[in-house]
C-alpha atoms as a PDB file:
ATOM      1  CA  MET A   1     -18.046 -40.631 -66.660  1.00  0.00           C
ATOM      2  CA  GLY A   2     -14.381 -40.264 -65.830  1.00  0.00           C
ATOM      3  CA  TYR A   3     -13.714 -39.176 -69.411  1.00  0.00           C
ATOM      4  CA  ALA A   4     -16.170 -36.335 -68.994  1.00  0.00           C
ATOM      5  CA  ILE A   5     -14.127 -35.127 -66.006  1.00  0.00           C
ATOM      6  CA  LEU A   6     -11.036 -34.900 -68.161  1.00  0.00           C
ATOM      7  CA  ASP A   7     -13.051 -33.066 -70.813  1.00  0.00           C
ATOM      8  CA  MET A   8     -14.189 -30.524 -68.239  1.00  0.00           C
ATOM      9  CA  VAL A   9     -10.643 -29.970 -66.994  1.00  0.00           C
ATOM     10  CA  GLN A  10      -9.746 -29.178 -70.594  1.00  0.00           C
ATOM     11  CA  GLY A  11     -12.087 -26.226 -70.334  1.00  0.00           C
ATOM     12  CA  PHE A  12      -9.405 -24.366 -68.400  1.00  0.00           C
ATOM     13  CA  SER A  13      -6.818 -22.323 -70.311  1.00  0.00           C
ATOM     14  CA  VAL A  14      -3.738 -24.328 -69.340  1.00  0.00           C
ATOM     15  CA  PRO A  15      -1.366 -26.497 -71.419  1.00  0.00           C
ATOM     16  CA  LYS A  16      -2.709 -29.912 -72.375  1.00  0.00           C
ATOM     17  CA  ARG A  17       0.012 -31.736 -70.444  1.00  0.00           C
ATOM     18  CA  ILE A  18      -1.065 -29.956 -67.267  1.00  0.00           C
ATOM     19  CA  GLN A  19      -4.718 -30.616 -68.106  1.00  0.00           C
ATOM     20  CA  ARG A  20      -4.029 -34.332 -68.299  1.00  0.00           C
ATOM     21  CA  VAL A  21      -2.187 -34.346 -64.978  1.00  0.00           C
ATOM     22  CA  LEU A  22      -4.926 -32.320 -63.277  1.00  0.00           C
ATOM     23  CA  GLY A  23      -7.630 -34.581 -64.647  1.00  0.00           C
ATOM     24  CA  ARG A  24      -5.787 -37.731 -63.607  1.00  0.00           C
ATOM     25  CA  TRP A  25      -5.011 -36.666 -60.053  1.00  0.00           C
ATOM     26  CA  GLY A  26      -8.385 -35.029 -59.633  1.00  0.00           C
ATOM     27  CA  LEU A  27     -10.022 -38.333 -60.478  1.00  0.00           C
ATOM     28  CA  TYR A  28      -7.716 -40.283 -58.138  1.00  0.00           C
ATOM     29  CA  LEU A  29      -8.461 -37.905 -55.266  1.00  0.00           C
ATOM     30  CA  ALA A  30     -12.185 -37.925 -55.978  1.00  0.00           C
ATOM     31  CA  TRP A  31     -12.284 -41.722 -56.020  1.00  0.00           C
ATOM     32  CA  GLY A  32     -10.395 -41.903 -52.743  1.00  0.00           C
ATOM     33  CA  LEU A  33     -12.808 -39.447 -51.143  1.00  0.00           C
ATOM     34  CA  PHE A  34     -16.213 -40.354 -52.535  1.00  0.00           C
ATOM     35  CA  ARG A  35     -16.017 -44.103 -52.074  1.00  0.00           C
ATOM     36  CA  TRP A  36     -15.689 -43.646 -48.301  1.00  0.00           C
ATOM     37  CA  LEU A  37     -18.299 -40.936 -47.827  1.00  0.00           C
ATOM     38  CA  PRO A  38     -21.854 -41.833 -46.764  1.00  0.00           C
ATOM     39  CA  MET A  39     -24.196 -41.578 -49.739  1.00  0.00           C
ATOM     40  CA  GLY A  40     -25.957 -38.460 -48.466  1.00  0.00           C
ATOM     41  CA  TRP A  41     -22.685 -36.588 -48.056  1.00  0.00           C
ATOM     42  CA  ALA A  42     -21.388 -37.861 -51.388  1.00  0.00           C
ATOM     43  CA  ILE A  43     -24.490 -36.578 -53.191  1.00  0.00           C
ATOM     44  CA  ARG A  44     -24.274 -33.169 -51.539  1.00  0.00           C
ATOM     45  CA  LEU A  45     -20.571 -32.847 -52.313  1.00  0.00           C
ATOM     46  CA  GLY A  46     -21.073 -34.054 -55.874  1.00  0.00           C
ATOM     47  CA  ALA A  47     -23.838 -31.501 -56.396  1.00  0.00           C
ATOM     48  CA  GLY A  48     -21.548 -28.782 -55.078  1.00  0.00           C
ATOM     49  CA  VAL A  49     -18.712 -29.841 -57.377  1.00  0.00           C
ATOM     50  CA  GLY A  50     -21.057 -29.810 -60.344  1.00  0.00           C
ATOM     51  CA  LEU A  51     -22.374 -26.329 -59.579  1.00  0.00           C
ATOM     52  CA  LEU A  52     -18.828 -25.086 -59.038  1.00  0.00           C
ATOM     53  CA  GLY A  53     -17.970 -26.444 -62.475  1.00  0.00           C
ATOM     54  CA  TYR A  54     -20.827 -24.422 -63.958  1.00  0.00           C
ATOM     55  CA  TRP A  55     -19.294 -21.196 -62.689  1.00  0.00           C
ATOM     56  CA  LEU A  56     -15.617 -22.045 -63.239  1.00  0.00           C
ATOM     57  CA  VAL A  57     -15.560 -23.888 -66.574  1.00  0.00           C
ATOM     58  CA  GLY A  58     -16.880 -21.214 -68.872  1.00  0.00           C
ATOM     59  CA  ARG A  59     -16.128 -23.150 -72.053  1.00  0.00           C
ATOM     60  CA  TYR A  60     -18.510 -25.972 -71.183  1.00  0.00           C
ATOM     61  CA  ARG A  61     -21.090 -23.670 -69.662  1.00  0.00           C
ATOM     62  CA  ARG A  62     -21.264 -21.822 -72.969  1.00  0.00           C
ATOM     63  CA  VAL A  63     -21.492 -25.086 -74.934  1.00  0.00           C
ATOM     64  CA  ALA A  64     -24.314 -26.361 -72.721  1.00  0.00           C
ATOM     65  CA  GLU A  65     -26.285 -23.134 -72.939  1.00  0.00           C
ATOM     66  CA  ALA A  66     -25.800 -22.868 -76.712  1.00  0.00           C
ATOM     67  CA  ASN A  67     -26.962 -26.462 -77.176  1.00  0.00           C
ATOM     68  CA  LEU A  68     -30.020 -25.925 -75.008  1.00  0.00           C
ATOM     69  CA  GLN A  69     -30.950 -22.757 -76.879  1.00  0.00           C
ATOM     70  CA  ARG A  70     -30.535 -24.619 -80.180  1.00  0.00           C
ATOM     71  CA  ALA A  71     -32.742 -27.513 -79.035  1.00  0.00           C
ATOM     72  CA  PHE A  72     -35.354 -25.338 -77.298  1.00  0.00           C
ATOM     73  CA  PRO A  73     -35.483 -22.046 -79.252  1.00  0.00           C
ATOM     74  CA  GLU A  74     -38.723 -21.113 -77.496  1.00  0.00           C
ATOM     75  CA  TRP A  75     -37.043 -21.026 -74.086  1.00  0.00           C
ATOM     76  CA  SER A  76     -36.121 -17.786 -72.367  1.00  0.00           C
ATOM     77  CA  ARG A  77     -32.501 -17.038 -71.527  1.00  0.00           C
ATOM     78  CA  ALA A  78     -33.311 -17.528 -67.832  1.00  0.00           C
ATOM     79  CA  GLN A  79     -34.782 -20.984 -68.496  1.00  0.00           C
ATOM     80  CA  VAL A  80     -31.704 -21.993 -70.489  1.00  0.00           C
ATOM     81  CA  ARG A  81     -29.351 -20.899 -67.711  1.00  0.00           C
ATOM     82  CA  ALA A  82     -31.379 -22.586 -64.982  1.00  0.00           C
ATOM     83  CA  THR A  83     -31.453 -25.865 -66.920  1.00  0.00           C
ATOM     84  CA  ALA A  84     -27.725 -25.664 -67.638  1.00  0.00           C
ATOM     85  CA  ARG A  85     -27.030 -25.237 -63.912  1.00  0.00           C
ATOM     86  CA  ARG A  86     -29.088 -28.359 -63.180  1.00  0.00           C
ATOM     87  CA  VAL A  87     -27.179 -30.238 -65.898  1.00  0.00           C
ATOM     88  CA  PHE A  88     -23.891 -29.448 -64.157  1.00  0.00           C
ATOM     89  CA  ARG A  89     -25.383 -30.258 -60.779  1.00  0.00           C
ATOM     90  CA  ASN A  90     -26.708 -33.623 -61.952  1.00  0.00           C
ATOM     91  CA  PHE A  91     -23.393 -34.435 -63.614  1.00  0.00           C
ATOM     92  CA  GLY A  92     -21.592 -33.795 -60.317  1.00  0.00           C
ATOM     93  CA  VAL A  93     -23.970 -36.121 -58.480  1.00  0.00           C
ATOM     94  CA  ALA A  94     -23.616 -38.782 -61.194  1.00  0.00           C
ATOM     95  CA  LEU A  95     -19.856 -38.571 -60.772  1.00  0.00           C
ATOM     96  CA  ALA A  96     -20.183 -39.141 -57.020  1.00  0.00           C
ATOM     97  CA  GLU A  97     -22.437 -42.150 -57.651  1.00  0.00           C
ATOM     98  CA  PHE A  98     -20.036 -43.549 -60.257  1.00  0.00           C
ATOM     99  CA  LEU A  99     -17.122 -43.382 -57.830  1.00  0.00           C
ATOM    100  CA  LYS A 100     -19.146 -44.964 -55.019  1.00  0.00           C
ATOM    101  CA  ALA A 101     -20.798 -47.689 -57.097  1.00  0.00           C
ATOM    102  CA  PRO A 102     -18.043 -50.356 -56.850  1.00  0.00           C
ATOM    103  CA  SER A 103     -18.227 -50.255 -53.046  1.00  0.00           C
ATOM    104  CA  MET A 104     -22.050 -50.317 -52.864  1.00  0.00           C
ATOM    105  CA  SER A 105     -23.875 -53.552 -52.128  1.00  0.00           C
ATOM    106  CA  LYS A 106     -26.901 -54.729 -54.098  1.00  0.00           C
ATOM    107  CA  GLU A 107     -29.114 -53.845 -51.138  1.00  0.00           C
ATOM    108  CA  GLU A 108     -27.675 -50.323 -50.919  1.00  0.00           C
ATOM    109  CA  ILE A 109     -28.312 -49.698 -54.609  1.00  0.00           C
ATOM    110  CA  GLU A 110     -31.823 -51.126 -54.393  1.00  0.00           C
ATOM    111  CA  GLN A 111     -32.635 -48.565 -51.710  1.00  0.00           C
ATOM    112  CA  ARG A 112     -32.126 -45.867 -54.329  1.00  0.00           C
ATOM    113  CA  LEU A 113     -32.924 -47.562 -57.649  1.00  0.00           C
ATOM    114  CA  GLN A 114     -35.864 -49.420 -59.155  1.00  0.00           C
ATOM    115  CA  VAL A 115     -36.141 -51.166 -62.525  1.00  0.00           C
ATOM    116  CA  VAL A 116     -39.194 -51.385 -64.765  1.00  0.00           C
ATOM    117  CA  GLY A 117     -39.329 -53.485 -67.915  1.00  0.00           C
ATOM    118  CA  LEU A 118     -36.822 -56.152 -66.910  1.00  0.00           C
ATOM    119  CA  GLU A 119     -38.972 -58.668 -68.775  1.00  0.00           C
ATOM    120  CA  HIS A 120     -37.967 -56.969 -72.043  1.00  0.00           C
ATOM    121  CA  LEU A 121     -34.291 -57.604 -71.329  1.00  0.00           C
ATOM    122  CA  ASP A 122     -34.993 -61.220 -70.413  1.00  0.00           C
ATOM    123  CA  ALA A 123     -36.951 -61.696 -73.647  1.00  0.00           C
ATOM    124  CA  ALA A 124     -34.047 -60.292 -75.658  1.00  0.00           C
ATOM    125  CA  PHE A 125     -31.561 -62.664 -74.002  1.00  0.00           C
ATOM    126  CA  ARG A 126     -33.804 -65.656 -74.684  1.00  0.00           C
ATOM    127  CA  GLU A 127     -33.256 -65.162 -78.418  1.00  0.00           C
ATOM    128  CA  GLY A 128     -29.660 -66.301 -77.871  1.00  0.00           C
ATOM    129  CA  LYS A 129     -28.105 -63.735 -80.211  1.00  0.00           C
ATOM    130  CA  GLY A 130     -26.703 -61.392 -77.583  1.00  0.00           C
ATOM    131  CA  VAL A 131     -28.198 -58.003 -76.763  1.00  0.00           C
ATOM    132  CA  LEU A 132     -27.292 -54.490 -77.874  1.00  0.00           C
ATOM    133  CA  LEU A 133     -28.105 -52.169 -74.964  1.00  0.00           C
ATOM    134  CA  ILE A 134     -28.694 -48.674 -76.318  1.00  0.00           C
ATOM    135  CA  THR A 135     -28.729 -45.674 -74.007  1.00  0.00           C
ATOM    136  CA  GLY A 136     -27.237 -42.192 -73.926  1.00  0.00           C
ATOM    137  CA  HIS A 137     -25.272 -39.865 -71.703  1.00  0.00           C
ATOM    138  CA  PHE A 138     -28.459 -39.490 -69.726  1.00  0.00           C
ATOM    139  CA  GLY A 139     -29.198 -39.784 -66.004  1.00  0.00           C
ATOM    140  CA  ASN A 140     -26.617 -42.114 -64.507  1.00  0.00           C
ATOM    141  CA  TRP A 141     -25.862 -44.706 -67.162  1.00  0.00           C
ATOM    142  CA  GLU A 142     -22.945 -46.112 -65.144  1.00  0.00           C
ATOM    143  CA  LEU A 143     -25.026 -46.920 -62.044  1.00  0.00           C
ATOM    144  CA  MET A 144     -27.553 -48.650 -64.290  1.00  0.00           C
ATOM    145  CA  ALA A 145     -24.820 -50.930 -65.677  1.00  0.00           C
ATOM    146  CA  ARG A 146     -23.553 -51.675 -62.164  1.00  0.00           C
ATOM    147  CA  TYR A 147     -26.967 -52.817 -60.971  1.00  0.00           C
ATOM    148  CA  LEU A 148     -27.743 -54.944 -64.035  1.00  0.00           C
ATOM    149  CA  CYS A 149     -24.436 -56.741 -63.518  1.00  0.00           C
ATOM    150  CA  MET A 150     -25.438 -57.373 -59.898  1.00  0.00           C
ATOM    151  CA  LEU A 151     -28.612 -59.020 -61.202  1.00  0.00           C
ATOM    152  CA  GLY A 152     -26.428 -61.435 -63.158  1.00  0.00           C
ATOM    153  CA  TYR A 153     -26.515 -59.962 -66.668  1.00  0.00           C
ATOM    154  CA  PRO A 154     -23.143 -60.199 -68.498  1.00  0.00           C
ATOM    155  CA  ILE A 155     -22.410 -56.705 -69.793  1.00  0.00           C
ATOM    156  CA  TRP A 156     -19.655 -55.124 -71.873  1.00  0.00           C
ATOM    157  CA  VAL A 157     -19.521 -51.411 -72.635  1.00  0.00           C
ATOM    158  CA  ILE A 158     -17.835 -49.591 -75.501  1.00  0.00           C
ATOM    159  CA  ALA A 159     -15.889 -46.591 -74.220  1.00  0.00           C
ATOM    160  CA  ARG A 160     -13.382 -44.197 -75.699  1.00  0.00           C
ATOM    161  CA  ASP A 161      -9.888 -43.809 -74.303  1.00  0.00           C
ATOM    162  CA  THR A 162      -8.794 -40.477 -72.883  1.00  0.00           C
ATOM    163  CA  ASP A 163      -5.692 -38.616 -73.973  1.00  0.00           C
ATOM    164  CA  ASP A 164      -4.049 -39.790 -70.748  1.00  0.00           C
ATOM    165  CA  PRO A 165      -3.411 -43.555 -70.489  1.00  0.00           C
ATOM    166  CA  ALA A 166      -3.268 -43.452 -66.676  1.00  0.00           C
ATOM    167  CA  THR A 167      -6.720 -41.854 -66.524  1.00  0.00           C
ATOM    168  CA  THR A 168      -8.064 -44.444 -68.951  1.00  0.00           C
ATOM    169  CA  GLU A 169      -6.678 -47.246 -66.766  1.00  0.00           C
ATOM    170  CA  LEU A 170      -8.283 -45.805 -63.641  1.00  0.00           C
ATOM    171  CA  VAL A 171     -11.701 -45.332 -65.242  1.00  0.00           C
ATOM    172  CA  THR A 172     -11.550 -48.862 -66.654  1.00  0.00           C
ATOM    173  CA  LEU A 173     -10.592 -50.195 -63.208  1.00  0.00           C
ATOM    174  CA  ILE A 174     -13.586 -48.461 -61.582  1.00  0.00           C
ATOM    175  CA  ARG A 175     -15.919 -49.821 -64.247  1.00  0.00           C
ATOM    176  CA  GLU A 176     -14.608 -53.361 -64.016  1.00  0.00           C
ATOM    177  CA  ARG A 177     -14.910 -53.269 -60.215  1.00  0.00           C
ATOM    178  CA  SER A 178     -18.556 -52.427 -60.864  1.00  0.00           C
ATOM    179  CA  GLY A 179     -18.868 -55.710 -62.758  1.00  0.00           C
ATOM    180  CA  TYR A 180     -18.933 -54.713 -66.412  1.00  0.00           C
ATOM    181  CA  LYS A 181     -16.116 -55.059 -68.904  1.00  0.00           C
ATOM    182  CA  VAL A 182     -14.776 -52.384 -71.217  1.00  0.00           C
ATOM    183  CA  ILE A 183     -14.201 -52.541 -74.968  1.00  0.00           C
ATOM    184  CA  PRO A 184     -12.096 -49.630 -76.296  1.00  0.00           C
ATOM    185  CA  ARG A 185     -13.828 -47.669 -79.015  1.00  0.00           C
ATOM    186  CA  GLY A 186     -11.981 -47.857 -82.311  1.00  0.00           C
ATOM    187  CA  GLN A 187     -11.104 -51.519 -81.911  1.00  0.00           C
ATOM    188  CA  ALA A 188     -14.532 -52.780 -80.920  1.00  0.00           C
ATOM    189  CA  ALA A 189     -15.760 -54.880 -83.853  1.00  0.00           C
ATOM    190  CA  ARG A 190     -14.189 -58.220 -83.001  1.00  0.00           C
ATOM    191  CA  PRO A 191     -14.829 -58.099 -79.203  1.00  0.00           C
ATOM    192  CA  VAL A 192     -18.437 -56.996 -79.766  1.00  0.00           C
ATOM    193  CA  LEU A 193     -19.141 -59.828 -82.200  1.00  0.00           C
ATOM    194  CA  LYS A 194     -17.572 -62.319 -79.802  1.00  0.00           C
ATOM    195  CA  ALA A 195     -19.669 -61.050 -76.889  1.00  0.00           C
ATOM    196  CA  LEU A 196     -22.855 -61.303 -78.954  1.00  0.00           C
ATOM    197  CA  ARG A 197     -22.002 -64.839 -80.040  1.00  0.00           C
ATOM    198  CA  ASN A 198     -21.666 -65.707 -76.346  1.00  0.00           C
ATOM    199  CA  ASN A 199     -25.159 -64.260 -75.735  1.00  0.00           C
ATOM    200  CA  GLU A 200     -23.791 -61.372 -73.695  1.00  0.00           C
ATOM    201  CA  ALA A 201     -24.903 -57.741 -73.718  1.00  0.00           C
ATOM    202  CA  VAL A 202     -22.957 -54.836 -75.172  1.00  0.00           C
ATOM    203  CA  GLY A 203     -23.791 -51.319 -74.039  1.00  0.00           C
ATOM    204  CA  ILE A 204     -23.420 -48.529 -76.595  1.00  0.00           C
ATOM    205  CA  LEU A 205     -24.000 -44.785 -76.146  1.00  0.00           C
ATOM    206  CA  PRO A 206     -24.371 -43.461 -79.712  1.00  0.00           C
ATOM    207  CA  ASP A 207     -25.360 -39.912 -78.781  1.00  0.00           C
ATOM    208  CA  GLN A 208     -22.084 -38.048 -79.294  1.00  0.00           C
ATOM    209  CA  ASN A 209     -20.736 -36.315 -82.362  1.00  0.00           C
ATOM    210  CA  ALA A 210     -19.573 -38.584 -85.196  1.00  0.00           C
ATOM    211  CA  GLY A 211     -19.809 -38.697 -88.972  1.00  0.00           C
ATOM    212  CA  ASP A 212     -20.988 -42.179 -89.963  1.00  0.00           C
ATOM    213  CA  VAL A 213     -24.614 -41.216 -90.591  1.00  0.00           C
ATOM    214  CA  PHE A 214     -26.640 -38.033 -90.124  1.00  0.00           C
ATOM    215  CA  VAL A 215     -29.958 -38.093 -88.299  1.00  0.00           C
ATOM    216  CA  GLU A 216     -32.579 -35.590 -87.254  1.00  0.00           C
ATOM    217  CA  PHE A 217     -32.090 -34.639 -83.608  1.00  0.00           C
ATOM    218  CA  PHE A 218     -34.178 -31.818 -82.158  1.00  0.00           C
ATOM    219  CA  GLY A 219     -35.156 -30.819 -85.672  1.00  0.00           C
ATOM    220  CA  GLN A 220     -31.574 -30.488 -86.934  1.00  0.00           C
ATOM    221  CA  LYS A 221     -29.053 -32.801 -88.537  1.00  0.00           C
ATOM    222  CA  ALA A 222     -26.589 -34.432 -86.151  1.00  0.00           C
ATOM    223  CA  GLY A 223     -23.749 -36.817 -86.943  1.00  0.00           C
ATOM    224  CA  SER A 224     -23.895 -40.249 -85.355  1.00  0.00           C
ATOM    225  CA  VAL A 225     -21.976 -43.499 -85.239  1.00  0.00           C
ATOM    226  CA  ALA A 226     -23.516 -46.366 -87.199  1.00  0.00           C
ATOM    227  CA  GLY A 227     -22.158 -49.144 -84.976  1.00  0.00           C
ATOM    228  CA  PRO A 228     -25.409 -50.236 -83.287  1.00  0.00           C
ATOM    229  CA  ALA A 229     -27.126 -50.525 -86.662  1.00  0.00           C
ATOM    230  CA  VAL A 230     -24.228 -52.382 -88.268  1.00  0.00           C
ATOM    231  CA  PHE A 231     -23.975 -54.901 -85.411  1.00  0.00           C
ATOM    232  CA  HIS A 232     -27.745 -55.412 -85.425  1.00  0.00           C
ATOM    233  CA  LEU A 233     -27.890 -55.990 -89.185  1.00  0.00           C
ATOM    234  CA  ARG A 234     -24.949 -58.371 -89.103  1.00  0.00           C
ATOM    235  CA  THR A 235     -25.939 -60.499 -86.103  1.00  0.00           C
ATOM    236  CA  GLY A 236     -29.682 -60.054 -85.573  1.00  0.00           C
ATOM    237  CA  ALA A 237     -28.994 -59.158 -81.931  1.00  0.00           C
ATOM    238  CA  PRO A 238     -32.007 -57.205 -80.633  1.00  0.00           C
ATOM    239  CA  LEU A 239     -31.596 -53.535 -79.806  1.00  0.00           C
ATOM    240  CA  VAL A 240     -32.862 -52.775 -76.288  1.00  0.00           C
ATOM    241  CA  PRO A 241     -33.194 -49.065 -75.435  1.00  0.00           C
ATOM    242  CA  LEU A 242     -32.952 -48.287 -71.724  1.00  0.00           C
ATOM    243  CA  PHE A 243     -32.551 -45.155 -69.633  1.00  0.00           C
ATOM    244  CA  ASN A 244     -31.848 -44.371 -66.001  1.00  0.00           C
ATOM    245  CA  VAL A 245     -34.124 -41.497 -64.978  1.00  0.00           C
ATOM    246  CA  ARG A 246     -33.040 -39.428 -61.988  1.00  0.00           C
ATOM    247  CA  LEU A 247     -35.969 -38.923 -59.609  1.00  0.00           C
ATOM    248  CA  PRO A 248     -36.492 -36.284 -56.880  1.00  0.00           C
ATOM    249  CA  GLY A 249     -34.161 -36.870 -53.957  1.00  0.00           C
ATOM    250  CA  ASP A 250     -31.570 -38.418 -56.331  1.00  0.00           C
ATOM    251  CA  TYR A 251     -33.315 -41.749 -56.512  1.00  0.00           C
ATOM    252  CA  HIS A 252     -33.383 -43.629 -59.821  1.00  0.00           C
ATOM    253  CA  ARG A 253     -35.779 -45.483 -62.093  1.00  0.00           C
ATOM    254  CA  VAL A 254     -34.297 -47.636 -64.856  1.00  0.00           C
ATOM    255  CA  GLU A 255     -36.751 -47.901 -67.739  1.00  0.00           C
ATOM    256  CA  ILE A 256     -36.107 -50.803 -70.137  1.00  0.00           C
ATOM    257  CA  LEU A 257     -38.062 -50.610 -73.390  1.00  0.00           C
ATOM    258  CA  PRO A 258     -39.163 -53.504 -75.632  1.00  0.00           C
ATOM    259  CA  PRO A 259     -36.520 -54.871 -78.000  1.00  0.00           C
ATOM    260  CA  LEU A 260     -36.299 -53.345 -81.463  1.00  0.00           C
ATOM    261  CA  ARG A 261     -35.679 -55.366 -84.608  1.00  0.00           C
ATOM    262  CA  PHE A 262     -35.260 -54.136 -88.178  1.00  0.00           C
ATOM    263  CA  GLU A 263     -35.466 -56.151 -91.366  1.00  0.00           C
ATOM    264  CA  PRO A 264     -32.533 -55.487 -93.717  1.00  0.00           C
ATOM    265  CA  THR A 265     -33.440 -54.220 -97.172  1.00  0.00           C
ATOM    266  CA  GLY A 266     -30.075 -54.892 -98.805  1.00  0.00           C
ATOM    267  CA  ASP A 267     -29.149 -51.205 -98.715  1.00  0.00           C
ATOM    268  CA  THR A 268     -26.811 -51.101 -95.699  1.00  0.00           C
ATOM    269  CA  ALA A 269     -26.357 -47.334 -95.743  1.00  0.00           C
ATOM    270  CA  ALA A 270     -30.093 -46.653 -95.835  1.00  0.00           C
ATOM    271  CA  ASP A 271     -30.773 -49.316 -93.203  1.00  0.00           C
ATOM    272  CA  SER A 272     -28.131 -47.873 -90.891  1.00  0.00           C
ATOM    273  CA  GLN A 273     -29.556 -44.371 -91.247  1.00  0.00           C
ATOM    274  CA  ARG A 274     -33.078 -45.657 -90.582  1.00  0.00           C
ATOM    275  CA  ILE A 275     -32.053 -47.588 -87.471  1.00  0.00           C
ATOM    276  CA  MET A 276     -29.965 -44.775 -85.993  1.00  0.00           C
ATOM    277  CA  GLN A 277     -32.802 -42.343 -86.621  1.00  0.00           C
ATOM    278  CA  ALA A 278     -35.192 -44.569 -84.685  1.00  0.00           C
ATOM    279  CA  LEU A 279     -32.758 -44.779 -81.768  1.00  0.00           C
ATOM    280  CA  HIS A 280     -32.261 -41.018 -81.712  1.00  0.00           C
ATOM    281  CA  ASP A 281     -36.021 -40.475 -81.813  1.00  0.00           C
ATOM    282  CA  ILE A 282     -36.325 -42.509 -78.600  1.00  0.00           C
ATOM    283  CA  LEU A 283     -33.443 -40.623 -76.991  1.00  0.00           C
ATOM    284  CA  GLU A 284     -34.959 -37.275 -77.949  1.00  0.00           C
ATOM    285  CA  THR A 285     -38.239 -38.275 -76.309  1.00  0.00           C
ATOM    286  CA  TYR A 286     -36.419 -38.842 -73.014  1.00  0.00           C
ATOM    287  CA  VAL A 287     -34.309 -35.697 -73.278  1.00  0.00           C
ATOM    288  CA  ARG A 288     -37.369 -33.560 -73.984  1.00  0.00           C
ATOM    289  CA  ARG A 289     -39.078 -35.085 -70.970  1.00  0.00           C
ATOM    290  CA  TYR A 290     -36.058 -34.620 -68.680  1.00  0.00           C
ATOM    291  CA  PRO A 291     -33.926 -31.910 -70.316  1.00  0.00           C
ATOM    292  CA  ASP A 292     -31.590 -31.452 -67.347  1.00  0.00           C
ATOM    293  CA  GLN A 293     -30.542 -35.119 -67.375  1.00  0.00           C
ATOM    294  CA  TRP A 294     -28.675 -35.230 -70.697  1.00  0.00           C
ATOM    295  CA  LEU A 295     -25.015 -34.225 -71.009  1.00  0.00           C
ATOM    296  CA  TRP A 296     -25.430 -31.002 -72.995  1.00  0.00           C
ATOM    297  CA  LEU A 297     -21.740 -30.177 -72.416  1.00  0.00           C
ATOM    298  CA  HIS A 298     -20.841 -31.987 -75.656  1.00  0.00           C
ATOM    299  CA  ASP A 299     -20.994 -30.239 -79.056  1.00  0.00           C
ATOM    300  CA  ARG A 300     -23.523 -32.661 -80.509  1.00  0.00           C
ATOM    301  CA  TRP A 301     -23.982 -30.873 -83.852  1.00  0.00           C
ATOM    302  CA  LYS A 302     -20.282 -30.258 -84.617  1.00  0.00           C
ATOM    303  CA  SER A 303     -19.761 -32.572 -87.605  1.00  0.00           C
ATOM    304  CA  ALA A 304     -23.114 -31.644 -89.169  1.00  0.00           C
ATOM    305  CA  ARG A 305     -22.268 -27.951 -88.808  1.00  0.00           C
ATOM    306  CA  LYS A 306     -18.887 -28.478 -90.468  1.00  0.00           C
ATOM    307  CA  ARG A 307     -20.630 -30.066 -93.441  1.00  0.00           C
ATOM    308  CA  GLY A 308     -23.185 -27.278 -93.617  1.00  0.00           C
ATOM    309  CA  LEU A 309     -26.040 -29.531 -92.514  1.00  0.00           C
ATOM    310  CA  ALA A 310     -26.858 -27.816 -89.206  1.00  0.00           C
END
């Protein structure tokens, strides 16, 4: 979540050094403010910040609208713009919730969040192989992790570093105060395997641009990481898709789906592509159902377009 803030700051036409400083201090100030605000005020302010971002950060507004038009070619221009505004608004609220989460009690979160399908997560843990939690930049994935940790589930998350080490440290601090531990992307293999051996959960969001495998996403090729598939094939850890759906009034419903398991065929590349396609099919179902809750600000089809696939 904090990394997305820095990405949005980079939408302004200023030198990168200044972008990093603005992103860092903006996040520090936001954390200092939002964690002390009552939830109602925090949500209203977060919504306002998100809508302001829609109007001020033209680069990401254009990316979001282009992505929406690509995914929903039947939509009118007005429908695309209205959805993009809600995307920015929901992102602003999710930011406010992320910054408040470490200071919220279990009872306070339960007033705003319900979980369905917890039995699927328990069944996955009973296998004793660890659990691969698969979600996307959808709803408020950070608040979902915070609450599951409060219920006693041991959770690690794979996250990328920002270009600014101080910002990375702050975002990691906020996450760890929420109860979950962070594994830096790019050096994740050994820590992930260790966590799975200890029957812990590892959260992975494989819905951003990469070039490991190419899957169909909204009818077009999109590059994806292969990590979830590789870890599943190597360890047998079940894949558990889960999503935090934002409800009217900015309440939440976490939906945990039954564990997925895939038999290896001996062709690792084909198996990885098959598994990642299945995970993206589930994600697409949720995004089609709630199109304003996915982070369309990211150029999801970039690597496929560069290779002439999209």
